C-alpha atoms as a PDB file:
ATOM      1  CA  UNK A   1      -0.313   0.338  -0.315  1.00  0.00           C
ATOM      2  CA  UNK A   2       1.601   3.529  -0.357  1.00  0.00           C
ATOM      3  CA  UNK A   3       2.618   5.654   2.295  1.00  0.00           C
ATOM      4  CA  UNK A   4      -0.662   7.030   3.280  1.00  0.00           C
ATOM      5  CA  UNK A   5      -1.960   9.136   6.546  1.00  0.00           C
ATOM      6  CA  UNK A   6      -2.722   5.985   9.465  1.00  0.00           C
ATOM      7  CA  UNK A   7      -6.164   7.107   9.463  1.00  0.00           C
ATOM      8  CA  UNK A   8      -6.509   7.147   4.769  1.00  0.00           C
ATOM      9  CA  UNK A   9      -5.029   4.125   5.202  1.00  0.00           C
ATOM     10  CA  UNK A  10      -7.598   2.696   7.780  1.00  0.00           C
ATOM     11  CA  UNK A  11     -10.289   4.380   5.767  1.00  0.00           C
ATOM     12  CA  UNK A  12      -9.297   2.362   2.370  1.00  0.00           C
ATOM     13  CA  UNK A  13      -8.332  -0.911   4.451  1.00  0.00           C
ATOM     14  CA  UNK A  14     -12.592  -0.855   5.547  1.00  0.00           C
ATOM     15  CA  UNK A  15     -13.567  -0.045   2.042  1.00  0.00           C
ATOM     16  CA  UNK A  16     -11.117  -3.458   0.603  1.00  0.00           C
ATOM     17  CA  UNK A  17     -12.319  -5.617   3.663  1.00  0.00           C
ATOM     18  CA  UNK A  18     -16.309  -4.180   2.860  1.00  0.00           C
ATOM     19  CA  UNK A  19     -16.369  -5.558  -0.159  1.00  0.00           C
ATOM     20  CA  UNK A  20     -14.790  -9.253   1.155  1.00  0.00           C
ATOM     21  CA  UNK A  21     -17.503  -9.545   3.561  1.00  0.00           C
ATOM     22  CA  UNK A  22     -20.130  -8.556   0.698  1.00  0.00           C
ATOM     23  CA  UNK A  23     -18.123 -11.208  -1.825  1.00  0.00           C
ATOM     24  CA  UNK A  24     -18.257 -14.079   1.297  1.00  0.00           C
ATOM     25  CA  UNK A  25     -21.838 -13.518   1.758  1.00  0.00           C
ATOM     26  CA  UNK A  26     -23.022 -13.893  -1.552  1.00  0.00           C
ATOM     27  CA  UNK A  27     -20.629 -16.660  -1.916  1.00  0.00           C
ATOM     28  CA  UNK A  28     -22.462 -18.290   1.398  1.00  0.00           C
ATOM     29  CA  UNK A  29     -26.014 -17.828  -0.293  1.00  0.00           C
ATOM     30  CA  UNK A  30     -24.854 -19.377  -3.510  1.00  0.00           C
ATOM     31  CA  UNK A  31     -23.593 -22.357  -1.416  1.00  0.00           C
ATOM     32  CA  UNK A  32     -27.325 -23.167   0.827  1.00  0.00           C
ATOM     33  CA  UNK A  33     -29.621 -21.450  -1.147  1.00  0.00           C
ATOM     34  CA  UNK A  34     -30.930 -24.019  -4.140  1.00  0.00           C
ATOM     35  CA  UNK A  35     -33.128 -20.584  -5.858  1.00  0.00           C
ATOM     36  CA  UNK A  36     -30.016 -18.830  -5.931  1.00  0.00           C
ATOM     37  CA  UNK A  37     -28.465 -21.403  -7.818  1.00  0.00           C
ATOM     38  CA  UNK A  38     -31.205 -21.773 -10.364  1.00  0.00           C
ATOM     39  CA  UNK A  39     -30.854 -17.482 -10.756  1.00  0.00           C
ATOM     40  CA  UNK A  40     -27.489 -17.894 -11.215  1.00  0.00           C
ATOM     41  CA  UNK A  41     -27.874 -20.566 -13.453  1.00  0.00           C
ATOM     42  CA  UNK A  42     -30.822 -18.076 -15.556  1.00  0.00           C
ATOM     43  CA  UNK A  43     -28.471 -15.717 -15.315  1.00  0.00           C
ATOM     44  CA  UNK A  44     -25.783 -17.393 -17.542  1.00  0.00           C
ATOM     45  CA  UNK A  45     -28.442 -18.625 -19.954  1.00  0.00           C
ATOM     46  CA  UNK A  46     -29.729 -14.736 -20.032  1.00  0.00           C
ATOM     47  CA  UNK A  47     -26.199 -13.609 -21.214  1.00  0.00           C
ATOM     48  CA  UNK A  48     -25.628 -16.064 -23.477  1.00  0.00           C
ATOM     49  CA  UNK A  49     -28.576 -15.365 -25.057  1.00  0.00           C
ATOM     50  CA  UNK A  50     -28.055 -11.816 -25.204  1.00  0.00           C
ATOM     51  CA  UNK A  51     -24.806 -12.476 -26.929  1.00  0.00           C
ATOM     52  CA  UNK A  52     -26.371 -14.829 -28.976  1.00  0.00           C
ATOM     53  CA  UNK A  53     -28.872 -12.611 -30.374  1.00  0.00           C
ATOM     54  CA  UNK A  54     -26.627  -9.596 -30.393  1.00  0.00           C
ATOM     55  CA  UNK A  55     -28.924  -7.474 -27.992  1.00  0.00           C
ATOM     56  CA  UNK A  56     -29.394  -3.271 -27.492  1.00  0.00           C
ATOM     57  CA  UNK A  57     -27.410  -1.475 -25.489  1.00  0.00           C
ATOM     58  CA  UNK A  58     -30.878  -0.585 -23.975  1.00  0.00           C
ATOM     59  CA  UNK A  59     -32.088  -3.851 -24.201  1.00  0.00           C
ATOM     60  CA  UNK A  60     -28.023  -5.069 -22.201  1.00  0.00           C
ATOM     61  CA  UNK A  61     -29.174  -2.761 -19.576  1.00  0.00           C
ATOM     62  CA  UNK A  62     -33.051  -4.171 -19.244  1.00  0.00           C
ATOM     63  CA  UNK A  63     -31.420  -7.152 -18.120  1.00  0.00           C
ATOM     64  CA  UNK A  64     -28.972  -5.908 -16.338  1.00  0.00           C
ATOM     65  CA  UNK A  65     -31.757  -4.681 -14.106  1.00  0.00           C
ATOM     66  CA  UNK A  66     -33.793  -7.332 -14.312  1.00  0.00           C
ATOM     67  CA  UNK A  67     -31.462 -10.348 -13.603  1.00  0.00           C
ATOM     68  CA  UNK A  68     -29.632  -7.444 -10.871  1.00  0.00           C
ATOM     69  CA  UNK A  69     -33.143  -6.753  -9.110  1.00  0.00           C
ATOM     70  CA  UNK A  70     -33.774 -10.692  -8.904  1.00  0.00           C
ATOM     71  CA  UNK A  71     -30.157 -11.030  -7.334  1.00  0.00           C
ATOM     72  CA  UNK A  72     -30.782  -8.351  -4.731  1.00  0.00           C
ATOM     73  CA  UNK A  73     -34.219  -9.490  -3.857  1.00  0.00           C
ATOM     74  CA  UNK A  74     -32.925 -13.164  -3.376  1.00  0.00           C
ATOM     75  CA  UNK A  75     -30.010 -12.127  -1.094  1.00  0.00           C
ATOM     76  CA  UNK A  76     -32.591  -9.669   1.007  1.00  0.00           C
ATOM     77  CA  UNK A  77     -34.723 -12.608   1.000  1.00  0.00           C
ATOM     78  CA  UNK A  78     -31.520 -14.869   2.169  1.00  0.00           C
ATOM     79  CA  UNK A  79     -30.672 -12.611   4.896  1.00  0.00           C
ATOM     80  CA  UNK A  80     -34.311 -11.588   5.914  1.00  0.00           C
ATOM     81  CA  UNK A  81     -34.398 -15.817   6.718  1.00  0.00           C
ATOM     82  CA  UNK A  82     -31.227 -15.856   8.498  1.00  0.00           C
ATOM     83  CA  UNK A  83     -32.321 -13.153  11.180  1.00  0.00           C
ATOM     84  CA  UNK A  84     -35.921 -14.373  11.655  1.00  0.00           C
ATOM     85  CA  UNK A  85     -34.343 -18.055  12.032  1.00  0.00           C
ATOM     86  CA  UNK A  86     -31.638 -16.213  14.721  1.00  0.00           C
ATOM     87  CA  UNK A  87     -34.345 -14.181  16.498  1.00  0.00           C
ATOM     88  CA  UNK A  88     -37.279 -17.062  16.543  1.00  0.00           C
ATOM     89  CA  UNK A  89     -35.971 -19.933  16.208  1.00  0.00           C
ATOM     90  CA  UNK A  90     -39.923 -21.637  17.181  1.00  0.00           C
ATOM     91  CA  UNK A  91     -42.405 -20.178  15.239  1.00  0.00           C
ATOM     92  CA  UNK A  92     -44.008 -16.918  15.422  1.00  0.00           C
ATOM     93  CA  UNK A  93     -46.622 -15.777  13.418  1.00  0.00           C
ATOM     94  CA  UNK A  94     -44.846 -12.254  12.572  1.00  0.00           C
ATOM     95  CA  UNK A  95     -41.787 -14.475  11.205  1.00  0.00           C
ATOM     96  CA  UNK A  96     -43.477 -16.019   9.420  1.00  0.00           C
ATOM     97  CA  UNK A  97     -44.821 -13.138   7.749  1.00  0.00           C
ATOM     98  CA  UNK A  98     -42.026 -11.468   7.541  1.00  0.00           C
ATOM     99  CA  UNK A  99     -39.900 -14.577   5.792  1.00  0.00           C
ATOM    100  CA  UNK A 100     -43.880 -14.536   2.935  1.00  0.00           C
ATOM    101  CA  UNK A 101     -43.208 -11.006   2.844  1.00  0.00           C
ATOM    102  CA  UNK A 102     -39.674 -11.715   1.752  1.00  0.00           C
ATOM    103  CA  UNK A 103     -40.250 -14.397  -0.716  1.00  0.00           C
ATOM    104  CA  UNK A 104     -42.966 -11.915  -2.030  1.00  0.00           C
ATOM    105  CA  UNK A 105     -40.325  -9.840  -3.190  1.00  0.00           C
ATOM    106  CA  UNK A 106     -38.323 -12.313  -4.667  1.00  0.00           C
ATOM    107  CA  UNK A 107     -41.372 -13.757  -6.903  1.00  0.00           C
ATOM    108  CA  UNK A 108     -42.015 -10.417  -7.674  1.00  0.00           C
ATOM    109  CA  UNK A 109     -38.669  -9.561  -9.410  1.00  0.00           C
ATOM    110  CA  UNK A 110     -38.659 -12.523 -10.479  1.00  0.00           C
ATOM    111  CA  UNK A 111     -42.008 -12.240 -12.475  1.00  0.00           C
ATOM    112  CA  UNK A 112     -40.989  -8.854 -13.740  1.00  0.00           C
ATOM    113  CA  UNK A 113     -37.787 -10.667 -14.919  1.00  0.00           C
ATOM    114  CA  UNK A 114     -39.188 -13.340 -16.679  1.00  0.00           C
ATOM    115  CA  UNK A 115     -41.799 -10.131 -18.346  1.00  0.00           C
ATOM    116  CA  UNK A 116     -38.493  -8.330 -19.864  1.00  0.00           C
ATOM    117  CA  UNK A 117     -36.996 -11.595 -20.621  1.00  0.00           C
ATOM    118  CA  UNK A 118     -40.102 -12.522 -22.670  1.00  0.00           C
ATOM    119  CA  UNK A 119     -40.293  -8.816 -24.346  1.00  0.00           C
ATOM    120  CA  UNK A 120     -36.335  -9.094 -25.317  1.00  0.00           C
ATOM    121  CA  UNK A 121     -35.990 -12.325 -26.807  1.00  0.00           C
ATOM    122  CA  UNK A 122     -39.672 -13.781 -27.539  1.00  0.00           C
ATOM    123  CA  UNK A 123     -39.482 -11.857 -30.738  1.00  0.00           C
ATOM    124  CA  UNK A 124     -35.840 -13.241 -31.830  1.00  0.00           C
ATOM    125  CA  UNK A 125     -36.858 -16.618 -30.642  1.00  0.00           C
ATOM    126  CA  UNK A 126     -39.779 -16.475 -32.967  1.00  0.00           C
ATOM    127  CA  UNK A 127     -38.195 -15.362 -35.796  1.00  0.00           C
ATOM    128  CA  UNK A 128     -36.044 -18.332 -35.800  1.00  0.00           C
ATOM    129  CA  UNK A 129     -38.934 -20.677 -35.208  1.00  0.00           C
ATOM    130  CA  UNK A 130     -40.898 -19.412 -38.403  1.00  0.00           C
END
């Protein structure tokens, strides 16, 4: 690391450490959550289709937003489930509601992503079939 004053060095170190924590969180979720692995596979497929069909920059932006929204919702859902299990190991109606609402957010994000994917890719797939 370059010669930085101690307070700046520690600030930089904290920022670097934050990225490490974030990547560990994504990796942990991928290891433990089947749905997230499904979303990872879907992401790879969608990116492959995007390259295959040569989608526009605007379409790439929409795909990136859709994929990012699904991943964000799934990671938030995973965190909410873990925290809920920690603070309420036995069933509680509010704990169940928190989990259901978080799962609902994932569902809505995934449905919106399917709509985006259909609007972008369906015409191109249909043209291949005809």
